[in-house]
N, C-alpha and C. Protein backbone atom coordinates (compact mmCIF):
# COMPACT_ATOMS: atom_id res chain seq x y z
N UNK A 1 0.82 -1.18 0.03
CA UNK A 1 0.03 -0.03 -0.01
C UNK A 1 0.91 1.33 -0.05
N UNK A 2 0.40 2.20 -0.78
CA UNK A 2 1.29 3.39 -0.88
C UNK A 2 1.11 4.25 0.44
N UNK A 3 2.17 4.88 0.91
CA UNK A 3 2.16 5.72 2.11
C UNK A 3 1.39 7.03 1.74
N UNK A 4 0.55 7.37 2.72
CA UNK A 4 -0.11 8.71 2.61
C UNK A 4 0.90 9.78 2.74
N UNK A 5 0.71 10.87 2.08
CA UNK A 5 1.62 12.08 2.15
C UNK A 5 1.13 13.04 3.11
N UNK A 6 2.07 13.48 4.03
CA UNK A 6 1.67 14.58 4.97
C UNK A 6 1.61 15.95 4.35
N UNK A 7 0.56 16.17 3.60
CA UNK A 7 0.51 17.45 2.87
C UNK A 7 0.14 18.65 3.80
N UNK A 8 -0.38 18.39 4.94
CA UNK A 8 -0.74 19.46 5.89
C UNK A 8 0.48 20.21 6.35
N UNK A 9 1.69 19.61 6.25
CA UNK A 9 2.78 20.22 6.79
C UNK A 9 3.45 21.17 5.77
N UNK A 10 2.97 21.27 4.53
CA UNK A 10 3.41 22.14 3.54
C UNK A 10 3.18 23.52 3.81
N UNK A 11 4.02 24.37 3.33
CA UNK A 11 3.91 25.91 3.45
C UNK A 11 4.34 26.54 2.21
N UNK A 12 3.84 27.78 1.82
CA UNK A 12 2.81 28.46 2.50
C UNK A 12 1.46 28.04 2.23
N UNK A 13 0.42 28.41 3.06
CA UNK A 13 -0.96 28.16 2.78
C UNK A 13 -1.46 29.17 1.81
N UNK A 14 -2.51 28.71 0.98
CA UNK A 14 -3.33 27.46 1.12
C UNK A 14 -2.65 26.37 0.38
N UNK A 15 -2.83 25.16 0.77
CA UNK A 15 -2.38 23.96 0.02
C UNK A 15 -3.41 23.64 -1.09
N UNK A 16 -2.99 23.61 -2.35
CA UNK A 16 -3.81 23.47 -3.42
C UNK A 16 -3.41 22.14 -4.21
N UNK A 17 -4.42 21.18 -4.27
CA UNK A 17 -4.25 19.95 -5.02
C UNK A 17 -4.54 20.23 -6.40
N UNK A 18 -3.71 19.64 -7.34
CA UNK A 18 -3.87 19.84 -8.77
C UNK A 18 -3.78 18.51 -9.43
N UNK A 19 -4.76 18.24 -10.26
CA UNK A 19 -4.60 16.92 -11.13
C UNK A 19 -5.27 17.14 -12.52
N UNK A 20 -4.99 16.36 -13.51
CA UNK A 20 -5.57 16.39 -14.82
C UNK A 20 -6.19 15.09 -15.08
N UNK A 21 -7.14 15.17 -16.05
CA UNK A 21 -7.71 13.86 -16.63
C UNK A 21 -7.78 14.05 -18.11
N UNK A 22 -7.78 12.85 -18.83
CA UNK A 22 -7.88 12.83 -20.31
C UNK A 22 -6.53 12.89 -21.01
N UNK A 23 -5.51 12.83 -20.33
CA UNK A 23 -4.24 12.78 -20.91
C UNK A 23 -4.02 11.74 -21.98
N UNK A 24 -4.54 10.46 -21.76
CA UNK A 24 -4.29 9.37 -22.63
C UNK A 24 -5.49 9.09 -23.61
N UNK A 25 -6.35 10.01 -23.71
CA UNK A 25 -7.39 9.79 -24.70
C UNK A 25 -7.12 10.09 -26.18
N UNK A 26 -7.90 9.54 -27.02
CA UNK A 26 -7.76 9.84 -28.46
C UNK A 26 -8.58 10.94 -28.89
N UNK A 27 -9.58 11.40 -28.03
CA UNK A 27 -10.45 12.46 -28.46
C UNK A 27 -10.77 13.37 -27.16
N UNK A 28 -11.08 14.56 -27.53
CA UNK A 28 -11.58 15.56 -26.45
C UNK A 28 -10.42 16.18 -25.82
N UNK A 29 -10.72 17.34 -25.18
CA UNK A 29 -9.81 18.18 -24.44
C UNK A 29 -9.21 17.49 -23.28
N UNK A 30 -8.18 18.04 -22.70
CA UNK A 30 -7.63 17.57 -21.42
C UNK A 30 -8.23 18.67 -20.34
N UNK A 31 -8.69 18.03 -19.22
CA UNK A 31 -9.25 18.86 -18.17
C UNK A 31 -8.35 18.78 -16.94
N UNK A 32 -8.29 19.83 -16.06
CA UNK A 32 -7.62 19.82 -14.80
C UNK A 32 -8.46 20.48 -13.77
N UNK A 33 -8.24 20.17 -12.47
CA UNK A 33 -8.93 20.84 -11.42
C UNK A 33 -7.87 21.20 -10.40
N UNK A 34 -8.13 22.27 -9.65
CA UNK A 34 -7.41 22.66 -8.52
C UNK A 34 -8.29 22.86 -7.35
N UNK A 35 -7.96 22.27 -6.21
CA UNK A 35 -8.91 22.24 -5.02
C UNK A 35 -8.11 22.66 -3.77
N UNK A 36 -8.79 23.56 -3.04
CA UNK A 36 -8.26 23.95 -1.66
C UNK A 36 -9.36 23.33 -0.65
N UNK A 37 -8.98 22.41 0.12
CA UNK A 37 -9.91 21.77 1.11
C UNK A 37 -10.04 22.71 2.29
N UNK A 38 -11.39 23.06 2.49
CA UNK A 38 -11.71 24.11 3.62
C UNK A 38 -12.22 23.42 4.84
N UNK A 39 -12.43 22.13 4.79
CA UNK A 39 -12.92 21.44 6.00
C UNK A 39 -12.53 19.92 5.86
N UNK A 40 -12.98 19.18 6.77
CA UNK A 40 -12.74 17.69 6.72
C UNK A 40 -13.85 16.94 5.99
N UNK A 41 -14.85 17.63 5.52
CA UNK A 41 -16.03 17.08 4.91
C UNK A 41 -15.72 16.10 3.85
N UNK A 42 -16.00 14.82 4.02
CA UNK A 42 -15.85 13.69 3.03
C UNK A 42 -14.40 13.39 2.65
N UNK A 43 -13.41 14.08 3.24
CA UNK A 43 -12.07 13.92 2.71
C UNK A 43 -11.55 12.45 2.94
N UNK A 44 -12.05 11.67 3.80
CA UNK A 44 -11.50 10.30 3.96
C UNK A 44 -11.97 9.47 2.81
N UNK A 45 -12.99 9.89 2.13
CA UNK A 45 -13.47 9.11 1.00
C UNK A 45 -12.72 9.44 -0.30
N UNK A 46 -11.99 10.37 -0.42
CA UNK A 46 -11.31 10.90 -1.58
C UNK A 46 -10.22 9.87 -1.93
N UNK A 47 -10.20 9.53 -3.22
CA UNK A 47 -9.07 8.75 -3.72
C UNK A 47 -8.98 8.92 -5.26
N UNK A 48 -8.18 8.17 -5.96
CA UNK A 48 -8.06 8.25 -7.44
C UNK A 48 -9.43 8.18 -7.95
N UNK A 49 -9.80 9.08 -8.82
CA UNK A 49 -11.22 9.09 -9.32
C UNK A 49 -11.52 7.82 -10.12
N UNK A 50 -10.54 7.20 -10.78
CA UNK A 50 -10.81 5.97 -11.56
C UNK A 50 -11.07 4.78 -10.80
N UNK A 51 -10.92 4.90 -9.52
CA UNK A 51 -11.25 3.76 -8.54
C UNK A 51 -12.65 3.92 -7.94
N UNK A 52 -13.41 4.90 -8.29
CA UNK A 52 -14.73 5.17 -7.70
C UNK A 52 -15.72 5.03 -8.79
N UNK A 53 -16.89 4.55 -8.37
CA UNK A 53 -17.96 4.35 -9.38
C UNK A 53 -18.41 5.69 -9.86
N UNK A 54 -19.05 5.66 -11.09
CA UNK A 54 -19.52 6.96 -11.67
C UNK A 54 -20.48 7.70 -10.75
N UNK A 55 -21.45 6.94 -10.20
CA UNK A 55 -22.39 7.56 -9.34
C UNK A 55 -21.71 8.15 -8.01
N UNK A 56 -20.73 7.45 -7.55
CA UNK A 56 -20.04 7.99 -6.21
C UNK A 56 -19.25 9.18 -6.65
N UNK A 57 -18.51 9.13 -7.85
CA UNK A 57 -17.80 10.31 -8.25
C UNK A 57 -18.60 11.54 -8.42
N UNK A 58 -19.73 11.38 -8.97
CA UNK A 58 -20.59 12.55 -9.08
C UNK A 58 -21.15 13.07 -7.77
N UNK A 59 -21.37 12.12 -6.79
CA UNK A 59 -21.72 12.59 -5.41
C UNK A 59 -20.67 13.37 -4.82
N UNK A 60 -19.37 12.75 -4.87
CA UNK A 60 -18.31 13.35 -4.23
C UNK A 60 -17.92 14.77 -4.96
N UNK A 61 -18.04 14.83 -6.27
CA UNK A 61 -17.68 16.01 -6.97
C UNK A 61 -18.66 17.12 -6.48
N UNK A 62 -19.97 16.82 -6.32
CA UNK A 62 -20.95 17.81 -5.82
C UNK A 62 -20.54 18.26 -4.46
N UNK A 63 -20.13 17.25 -3.68
CA UNK A 63 -19.74 17.68 -2.26
C UNK A 63 -18.55 18.60 -2.19
N UNK A 64 -17.52 18.29 -3.04
CA UNK A 64 -16.16 19.08 -3.04
C UNK A 64 -16.67 20.49 -3.64
N UNK A 65 -17.55 20.68 -4.64
CA UNK A 65 -17.81 21.99 -5.12
C UNK A 65 -18.64 22.69 -4.23
N UNK A 66 -19.39 21.96 -3.39
CA UNK A 66 -20.17 22.72 -2.34
C UNK A 66 -19.40 23.19 -1.18
N UNK A 67 -18.49 22.29 -0.63
CA UNK A 67 -17.81 22.60 0.66
C UNK A 67 -16.40 23.13 0.51
N UNK A 68 -15.85 23.07 -0.60
CA UNK A 68 -14.44 23.45 -0.77
C UNK A 68 -14.26 24.44 -1.88
N UNK A 69 -13.19 24.93 -2.11
CA UNK A 69 -12.90 25.87 -3.24
C UNK A 69 -12.25 25.10 -4.33
N UNK A 70 -12.64 25.37 -5.48
CA UNK A 70 -12.13 24.66 -6.78
C UNK A 70 -12.04 25.59 -7.97
N UNK A 71 -11.26 25.19 -8.88
CA UNK A 71 -11.09 25.78 -10.19
C UNK A 71 -11.00 24.67 -11.16
N UNK A 72 -11.43 24.93 -12.43
CA UNK A 72 -11.30 24.05 -13.55
C UNK A 72 -10.58 24.70 -14.72
N UNK A 73 -9.56 24.04 -15.27
CA UNK A 73 -8.90 24.56 -16.45
C UNK A 73 -9.04 23.49 -17.59
N UNK A 74 -8.94 23.93 -18.69
CA UNK A 74 -9.08 23.10 -20.05
C UNK A 74 -7.99 23.48 -20.92
N UNK A 75 -7.53 22.48 -21.64
CA UNK A 75 -6.60 22.75 -22.79
C UNK A 75 -7.39 21.95 -23.95
N UNK A 76 -7.60 22.71 -25.09
CA UNK A 76 -8.36 22.26 -26.17
C UNK A 76 -7.62 21.20 -27.04
N UNK A 77 -8.35 20.48 -27.90
CA UNK A 77 -7.71 19.56 -28.83
C UNK A 77 -6.69 20.30 -29.72
N UNK A 78 -7.03 21.51 -30.17
CA UNK A 78 -6.10 22.22 -30.86
C UNK A 78 -4.76 22.53 -30.16
N UNK A 79 -4.86 22.91 -28.89
CA UNK A 79 -3.66 23.09 -28.11
C UNK A 79 -2.92 21.82 -27.82
N UNK A 80 -3.56 20.76 -27.69
CA UNK A 80 -2.86 19.51 -27.50
C UNK A 80 -2.04 19.13 -28.85
N UNK A 81 -2.66 19.40 -29.93
CA UNK A 81 -2.01 19.12 -31.14
C UNK A 81 -0.72 20.03 -31.43
N UNK A 82 -0.94 21.32 -30.95
CA UNK A 82 0.10 22.31 -31.21
C UNK A 82 1.24 22.19 -30.17
N UNK A 83 0.89 21.86 -28.93
CA UNK A 83 1.90 22.01 -27.86
C UNK A 83 2.59 20.56 -27.53
N UNK A 84 1.76 19.52 -27.62
CA UNK A 84 1.92 18.10 -27.21
C UNK A 84 1.14 17.99 -25.90
N UNK A 85 0.83 16.70 -25.61
CA UNK A 85 -0.07 16.44 -24.46
C UNK A 85 0.49 16.77 -23.17
N UNK A 86 1.84 16.65 -22.96
CA UNK A 86 2.35 17.00 -21.65
C UNK A 86 2.19 18.48 -21.45
N UNK A 87 2.65 19.41 -22.34
CA UNK A 87 2.52 20.79 -22.21
C UNK A 87 1.10 21.24 -22.13
N UNK A 88 0.17 20.61 -22.78
CA UNK A 88 -1.23 21.02 -22.71
C UNK A 88 -1.88 20.65 -21.42
N UNK A 89 -1.40 19.47 -20.87
CA UNK A 89 -1.89 19.16 -19.50
C UNK A 89 -1.44 20.08 -18.47
N UNK A 90 -0.18 20.60 -18.58
CA UNK A 90 0.37 21.43 -17.59
C UNK A 90 -0.30 22.93 -17.72
N UNK A 91 -0.68 23.21 -19.01
CA UNK A 91 -1.39 24.38 -19.30
C UNK A 91 -2.78 24.39 -18.64
N UNK A 92 -3.45 23.32 -18.83
CA UNK A 92 -4.78 23.10 -18.17
C UNK A 92 -4.71 23.21 -16.69
N UNK A 93 -3.58 22.54 -16.02
CA UNK A 93 -3.36 22.71 -14.57
C UNK A 93 -3.28 24.23 -14.19
N UNK A 94 -2.37 24.94 -14.94
CA UNK A 94 -2.18 26.39 -14.61
C UNK A 94 -3.48 27.12 -14.75
N UNK A 95 -4.25 26.83 -15.74
CA UNK A 95 -5.57 27.52 -15.77
C UNK A 95 -6.51 27.12 -14.61
N UNK A 96 -6.51 25.90 -14.17
CA UNK A 96 -7.30 25.50 -13.06
C UNK A 96 -6.90 26.37 -11.78
N UNK A 97 -5.54 26.51 -11.61
CA UNK A 97 -5.07 27.30 -10.39
C UNK A 97 -5.48 28.71 -10.60
N UNK A 98 -5.37 29.34 -11.72
CA UNK A 98 -5.68 30.70 -11.98
C UNK A 98 -7.34 30.79 -11.78
N UNK A 99 -8.11 29.75 -12.07
CA UNK A 99 -9.46 29.92 -11.83
C UNK A 99 -9.92 30.01 -10.28
N UNK A 100 -8.98 29.57 -9.46
CA UNK A 100 -9.20 29.71 -8.05
C UNK A 100 -9.21 31.21 -7.59
N UNK A 101 -8.41 32.09 -8.29
CA UNK A 101 -8.38 33.39 -7.87
C UNK A 101 -7.48 33.74 -6.70
N UNK A 102 -6.45 32.79 -6.50
CA UNK A 102 -5.54 33.06 -5.39
C UNK A 102 -4.10 33.37 -6.08
N UNK A 103 -3.35 34.14 -5.36
CA UNK A 103 -2.03 34.59 -6.00
C UNK A 103 -0.88 33.91 -5.33
N UNK A 104 -1.09 33.19 -4.33
CA UNK A 104 0.07 32.51 -3.66
C UNK A 104 -0.37 31.22 -3.05
N UNK A 105 0.55 30.37 -2.68
CA UNK A 105 0.10 29.13 -1.95
C UNK A 105 1.18 28.09 -2.22
N UNK A 106 0.72 26.90 -1.99
CA UNK A 106 1.65 25.64 -2.25
C UNK A 106 0.90 24.64 -3.14
N UNK A 107 1.29 24.60 -4.40
CA UNK A 107 0.73 23.57 -5.33
C UNK A 107 1.19 22.21 -5.07
N UNK A 108 0.31 21.24 -4.83
CA UNK A 108 0.54 19.87 -4.59
C UNK A 108 0.09 19.13 -5.99
N UNK A 109 1.00 18.84 -6.81
CA UNK A 109 0.72 18.51 -8.19
C UNK A 109 0.92 16.97 -8.43
N UNK A 110 -0.17 16.39 -8.98
CA UNK A 110 -0.03 14.96 -9.21
C UNK A 110 1.03 14.67 -10.30
N UNK A 111 1.84 13.74 -10.11
CA UNK A 111 2.86 13.47 -11.16
C UNK A 111 4.19 13.80 -10.77
N UNK A 112 5.09 13.94 -11.67
CA UNK A 112 6.56 14.35 -11.37
C UNK A 112 6.93 15.65 -12.00
N UNK A 113 5.96 16.42 -12.54
CA UNK A 113 6.36 17.69 -13.15
C UNK A 113 5.70 18.86 -12.37
N UNK A 114 6.52 19.99 -12.38
CA UNK A 114 5.98 21.27 -11.89
C UNK A 114 5.32 21.93 -12.92
N UNK A 115 4.31 22.81 -12.54
CA UNK A 115 3.59 23.64 -13.54
C UNK A 115 4.47 24.83 -13.91
N UNK A 116 4.75 25.17 -15.18
CA UNK A 116 5.65 26.28 -15.49
C UNK A 116 4.92 27.62 -15.21
N UNK A 117 5.69 28.62 -15.07
CA UNK A 117 5.26 29.96 -15.07
C UNK A 117 4.22 30.20 -14.00
N UNK A 118 4.50 29.79 -12.70
CA UNK A 118 3.55 30.02 -11.57
C UNK A 118 4.19 30.83 -10.60
N UNK A 119 4.60 32.05 -10.73
CA UNK A 119 5.22 32.85 -9.76
C UNK A 119 4.25 33.10 -8.49
N UNK A 120 4.88 33.14 -7.33
CA UNK A 120 4.04 33.29 -6.14
C UNK A 120 3.72 31.97 -5.43
N UNK A 121 3.92 30.82 -6.13
CA UNK A 121 3.48 29.45 -5.64
C UNK A 121 4.78 28.64 -5.44
N UNK A 122 4.84 28.02 -4.33
CA UNK A 122 5.76 26.86 -4.11
C UNK A 122 5.03 25.64 -4.73
N UNK A 123 5.78 24.63 -5.14
CA UNK A 123 5.27 23.44 -5.85
C UNK A 123 5.94 22.14 -5.23
N UNK A 124 5.06 21.21 -5.08
CA UNK A 124 5.60 19.88 -4.73
C UNK A 124 4.88 18.86 -5.65
N UNK A 125 5.62 18.21 -6.64
CA UNK A 125 5.10 17.18 -7.53
C UNK A 125 4.92 15.86 -6.65
N UNK A 126 4.00 15.11 -6.77
CA UNK A 126 3.69 13.94 -6.03
C UNK A 126 3.29 12.79 -6.93
N UNK A 127 4.19 11.84 -7.16
CA UNK A 127 3.76 10.71 -8.00
C UNK A 127 2.78 9.83 -7.36
N UNK A 128 1.68 9.54 -8.11
CA UNK A 128 0.54 8.83 -7.62
C UNK A 128 -0.16 9.60 -6.51
N UNK A 129 -0.10 10.96 -6.58
CA UNK A 129 -0.66 11.82 -5.62
C UNK A 129 -2.18 11.65 -5.37
N UNK A 130 -2.87 11.18 -6.41
CA UNK A 130 -4.32 10.99 -6.22
C UNK A 130 -4.64 9.87 -5.32
N UNK A 131 -3.73 9.01 -5.10
CA UNK A 131 -3.83 7.95 -4.00
C UNK A 131 -3.28 8.33 -2.69
N UNK A 132 -2.46 9.36 -2.61
CA UNK A 132 -1.68 9.70 -1.40
C UNK A 132 -1.98 10.96 -0.66
N UNK A 133 -2.76 11.84 -1.33
CA UNK A 133 -3.04 13.14 -0.72
C UNK A 133 -4.44 13.62 -1.09
N UNK A 134 -5.26 13.99 -0.07
CA UNK A 134 -6.68 14.19 -0.27
C UNK A 134 -6.95 15.45 -1.23
N UNK A 135 -6.11 16.47 -1.18
CA UNK A 135 -6.40 17.64 -2.13
C UNK A 135 -6.29 17.17 -3.61
N UNK A 136 -5.30 16.34 -3.92
CA UNK A 136 -5.15 15.83 -5.26
C UNK A 136 -6.22 14.92 -5.65
N UNK A 137 -6.69 14.03 -4.66
CA UNK A 137 -7.76 13.14 -4.93
C UNK A 137 -8.97 13.95 -5.29
N UNK A 138 -9.26 15.00 -4.58
CA UNK A 138 -10.44 15.86 -4.84
C UNK A 138 -10.33 16.49 -6.17
N UNK A 139 -9.18 16.98 -6.55
CA UNK A 139 -9.05 17.53 -7.87
C UNK A 139 -9.16 16.57 -8.94
N UNK A 140 -8.81 15.35 -8.66
CA UNK A 140 -8.99 14.22 -9.71
C UNK A 140 -10.54 14.06 -9.94
N UNK A 141 -11.21 13.95 -8.82
CA UNK A 141 -12.60 13.74 -8.96
C UNK A 141 -13.34 14.81 -9.63
N UNK A 142 -13.10 15.96 -9.27
CA UNK A 142 -13.79 17.14 -9.92
C UNK A 142 -13.49 17.19 -11.42
N UNK A 143 -12.22 16.98 -11.75
CA UNK A 143 -11.80 17.08 -13.10
C UNK A 143 -12.42 16.01 -13.98
N UNK A 144 -12.51 14.85 -13.49
CA UNK A 144 -12.99 13.72 -14.26
C UNK A 144 -14.55 13.82 -14.39
N UNK A 145 -15.20 14.24 -13.41
CA UNK A 145 -16.66 14.38 -13.64
C UNK A 145 -16.96 15.51 -14.65
N UNK A 146 -16.25 16.60 -14.58
CA UNK A 146 -16.46 17.68 -15.49
C UNK A 146 -16.17 17.32 -16.93
N UNK A 147 -15.08 16.55 -17.11
CA UNK A 147 -14.65 16.07 -18.40
C UNK A 147 -15.60 14.98 -18.94
N UNK A 148 -16.11 14.14 -18.08
CA UNK A 148 -17.06 13.05 -18.50
C UNK A 148 -18.32 13.65 -18.91
N UNK A 149 -18.71 14.71 -18.35
CA UNK A 149 -20.02 15.40 -18.63
C UNK A 149 -19.82 16.01 -20.07
N UNK A 150 -18.66 16.59 -20.28
CA UNK A 150 -18.46 17.07 -21.73
C UNK A 150 -18.38 15.98 -22.73
N UNK A 151 -17.83 14.90 -22.44
CA UNK A 151 -17.81 13.73 -23.42
C UNK A 151 -19.24 13.21 -23.66
N UNK A 152 -19.96 13.12 -22.53
CA UNK A 152 -21.42 12.79 -22.79
C UNK A 152 -22.22 13.68 -23.77
N UNK A 153 -21.88 15.01 -23.69
CA UNK A 153 -22.50 16.05 -24.56
C UNK A 153 -21.92 15.71 -25.97
N UNK A 154 -20.61 15.54 -26.21
CA UNK A 154 -20.07 15.29 -27.44
C UNK A 154 -20.64 14.07 -28.05
N UNK A 155 -21.01 13.08 -27.28
CA UNK A 155 -21.56 11.85 -27.78
C UNK A 155 -22.83 12.18 -28.54
N UNK A 156 -23.55 13.20 -28.09
CA UNK A 156 -24.88 13.51 -28.84
C UNK A 156 -24.60 14.10 -30.24
N UNK A 157 -23.43 14.60 -30.48
CA UNK A 157 -23.05 15.19 -31.73
C UNK A 157 -22.31 14.22 -32.64
N UNK A 158 -21.43 13.44 -31.94
CA UNK A 158 -20.60 12.55 -32.71
C UNK A 158 -20.92 11.10 -32.32
N UNK A 159 -22.03 10.70 -32.88
CA UNK A 159 -22.68 9.40 -32.39
C UNK A 159 -21.94 8.07 -32.74
N UNK A 160 -20.99 8.03 -33.58
CA UNK A 160 -20.35 6.94 -33.99
C UNK A 160 -19.52 6.22 -32.92
N UNK A 161 -18.92 6.98 -31.99
CA UNK A 161 -17.75 6.63 -31.44
C UNK A 161 -17.81 6.06 -29.89
N UNK A 162 -19.13 6.25 -29.38
CA UNK A 162 -19.37 5.72 -28.00
C UNK A 162 -18.80 6.67 -26.99
N UNK A 163 -18.59 7.87 -27.14
CA UNK A 163 -17.98 8.78 -26.18
C UNK A 163 -18.63 8.79 -24.80
N UNK A 164 -19.97 8.44 -24.85
CA UNK A 164 -20.59 8.42 -23.64
C UNK A 164 -20.14 7.26 -22.68
N UNK A 165 -19.54 6.25 -23.29
CA UNK A 165 -19.06 5.06 -22.56
C UNK A 165 -17.47 5.13 -22.43
N UNK A 166 -16.71 5.34 -23.49
CA UNK A 166 -15.32 5.42 -23.39
C UNK A 166 -14.62 6.75 -23.13
N UNK A 167 -15.42 7.81 -23.09
CA UNK A 167 -14.96 9.13 -22.70
C UNK A 167 -13.74 9.64 -23.62
N UNK A 168 -13.66 9.05 -24.77
CA UNK A 168 -12.53 9.32 -25.67
C UNK A 168 -11.31 8.40 -25.60
N UNK A 169 -11.28 7.45 -24.68
CA UNK A 169 -10.17 6.63 -24.45
C UNK A 169 -10.14 5.58 -25.69
N UNK A 170 -9.02 5.03 -25.94
CA UNK A 170 -8.80 4.20 -27.12
C UNK A 170 -9.32 2.72 -26.85
N UNK A 171 -10.62 2.54 -26.61
CA UNK A 171 -11.17 1.17 -26.39
C UNK A 171 -11.21 0.57 -27.70
N UNK A 172 -11.42 -0.79 -27.73
CA UNK A 172 -11.71 -1.60 -28.95
C UNK A 172 -12.76 -1.07 -29.83
N UNK A 173 -13.90 -0.66 -29.21
CA UNK A 173 -15.06 -0.14 -29.87
C UNK A 173 -14.70 1.21 -30.52
N UNK A 174 -14.05 2.04 -29.80
CA UNK A 174 -13.59 3.38 -30.27
C UNK A 174 -12.64 3.21 -31.50
N UNK A 175 -11.66 2.38 -31.41
CA UNK A 175 -10.72 2.20 -32.41
C UNK A 175 -11.39 1.62 -33.67
N UNK A 176 -12.28 0.64 -33.47
CA UNK A 176 -13.05 0.07 -34.61
C UNK A 176 -14.01 1.07 -35.28
N UNK A 177 -14.49 2.01 -34.50
CA UNK A 177 -15.40 3.08 -35.02
C UNK A 177 -14.62 4.06 -35.95
N UNK A 178 -13.37 4.41 -35.41
CA UNK A 178 -12.53 5.24 -36.18
C UNK A 178 -12.17 4.60 -37.53
N UNK A 179 -11.80 3.32 -37.46
CA UNK A 179 -11.50 2.55 -38.69
C UNK A 179 -12.67 2.50 -39.67
N UNK A 180 -13.85 2.53 -39.11
CA UNK A 180 -15.02 2.29 -39.97
C UNK A 180 -15.53 3.66 -40.37
N UNK A 181 -15.57 4.68 -39.70
CA UNK A 181 -16.23 5.97 -39.96
C UNK A 181 -15.23 7.10 -40.17
N UNK A 182 -13.93 6.87 -39.91
CA UNK A 182 -13.03 8.02 -39.97
C UNK A 182 -13.09 8.78 -38.65
N UNK A 183 -12.36 9.91 -38.54
CA UNK A 183 -12.28 10.63 -37.42
C UNK A 183 -13.16 11.91 -37.48
N UNK A 184 -13.34 12.55 -36.21
CA UNK A 184 -14.18 13.70 -36.26
C UNK A 184 -13.33 14.85 -35.71
N UNK A 185 -14.00 16.02 -35.53
CA UNK A 185 -13.26 17.24 -35.25
C UNK A 185 -12.66 17.26 -33.85
N UNK A 186 -13.14 16.40 -32.94
CA UNK A 186 -12.60 16.33 -31.59
C UNK A 186 -11.54 15.28 -31.44
N UNK A 187 -11.25 14.59 -32.48
CA UNK A 187 -10.12 13.60 -32.31
C UNK A 187 -8.72 14.33 -32.40
N UNK A 188 -7.76 13.76 -31.58
CA UNK A 188 -6.41 14.37 -31.55
C UNK A 188 -5.63 13.89 -32.70
N UNK A 189 -5.45 14.65 -33.69
CA UNK A 189 -4.88 14.19 -34.98
C UNK A 189 -3.35 13.92 -34.92
N UNK A 190 -2.68 14.23 -33.76
CA UNK A 190 -1.28 13.91 -33.58
C UNK A 190 -1.13 12.55 -32.90
N UNK A 191 -2.20 12.00 -32.42
CA UNK A 191 -2.04 10.75 -31.61
C UNK A 191 -2.05 9.53 -32.42
N UNK A 192 -1.22 8.55 -32.13
CA UNK A 192 -1.21 7.22 -32.77
C UNK A 192 -2.53 6.71 -32.53
N UNK A 193 -3.15 6.12 -33.65
CA UNK A 193 -4.50 5.57 -33.50
C UNK A 193 -5.53 6.53 -34.12
N UNK A 194 -5.05 7.77 -34.37
CA UNK A 194 -5.84 8.77 -34.99
C UNK A 194 -5.18 9.35 -36.32
N UNK A 195 -3.92 9.59 -36.17
CA UNK A 195 -3.19 10.31 -37.27
C UNK A 195 -3.20 9.47 -38.47
N UNK A 196 -3.30 8.11 -38.39
CA UNK A 196 -3.28 7.29 -39.52
C UNK A 196 -4.54 7.52 -40.41
N UNK A 197 -5.56 8.12 -39.76
CA UNK A 197 -6.91 8.34 -40.38
C UNK A 197 -7.25 9.82 -40.66
N UNK A 198 -6.23 10.66 -40.66
CA UNK A 198 -6.48 12.06 -40.80
C UNK A 198 -7.17 12.33 -42.14
N UNK A 199 -6.75 11.52 -43.18
CA UNK A 199 -7.46 11.77 -44.49
C UNK A 199 -8.92 11.44 -44.49
N UNK A 200 -9.28 10.75 -43.41
CA UNK A 200 -10.74 10.37 -43.38
C UNK A 200 -11.60 11.16 -42.45
N UNK A 201 -11.20 12.41 -42.23
CA UNK A 201 -11.86 13.31 -41.35
C UNK A 201 -13.31 13.36 -41.93
N UNK A 202 -14.36 13.18 -40.94
CA UNK A 202 -15.71 13.04 -41.35
C UNK A 202 -16.18 14.40 -41.98
N UNK A 203 -16.66 14.36 -43.20
CA UNK A 203 -17.10 15.60 -43.83
C UNK A 203 -18.44 16.05 -43.21
N UNK A 204 -19.19 15.00 -42.57
CA UNK A 204 -20.56 15.38 -42.03
C UNK A 204 -20.45 15.44 -40.53
N UNK A 205 -19.47 16.12 -40.14
CA UNK A 205 -19.31 16.27 -38.51
C UNK A 205 -20.61 16.79 -37.93
N UNK A 206 -21.01 16.14 -36.90
CA UNK A 206 -22.23 16.60 -36.21
C UNK A 206 -23.45 15.75 -36.60
N UNK A 207 -23.28 14.86 -37.68
CA UNK A 207 -24.43 14.00 -38.07
C UNK A 207 -24.51 12.92 -37.10
N UNK A 208 -25.64 12.59 -36.56
CA UNK A 208 -26.01 11.62 -35.60
C UNK A 208 -25.98 10.29 -36.35
N UNK A 209 -25.71 9.17 -35.66
CA UNK A 209 -25.75 7.93 -36.25
C UNK A 209 -27.22 7.57 -36.46
């Protein structure tokens, strides 16, 4: 079992958990969230969002947004293609922190990278932080629920690909749909599994199945 991280000892306050979701997808933007825990409400239940059922994630996300302070940041498909996925993920994280409206504090960032260009903030990267520190777990939950909701909406427009189920990840069904129907406007054209089909960009984007 991974050791929990003593995040409460970090300075300066506030401690801000930051995480991203959607980095490994073939379609859709990457989302990030930043969370400042303001109480002990539900924090013992926070963990990696991928380990929680969809219903429970939605309940916890609502609780986090109600009882704590949060911000959400997004990097678009175009930015992912222009910058690469790592830089786009860090950009989404920076935007999530900016959305909090605080000018200083300590960023507890999931993974091994610091967020560039964040003057006024100390930073501690934490590998597997969504399993080890409640502020990152909370950010993971909020970001995933927000992104999943977007992918559910995109499924109404791009009906071939099963976004409501795979959320843009490269499942067997999703890859098969790309091979059969070509790609759509929200596919990441620089990603392996998509770039081979760039010539087959759907001319009828938005047409339902």
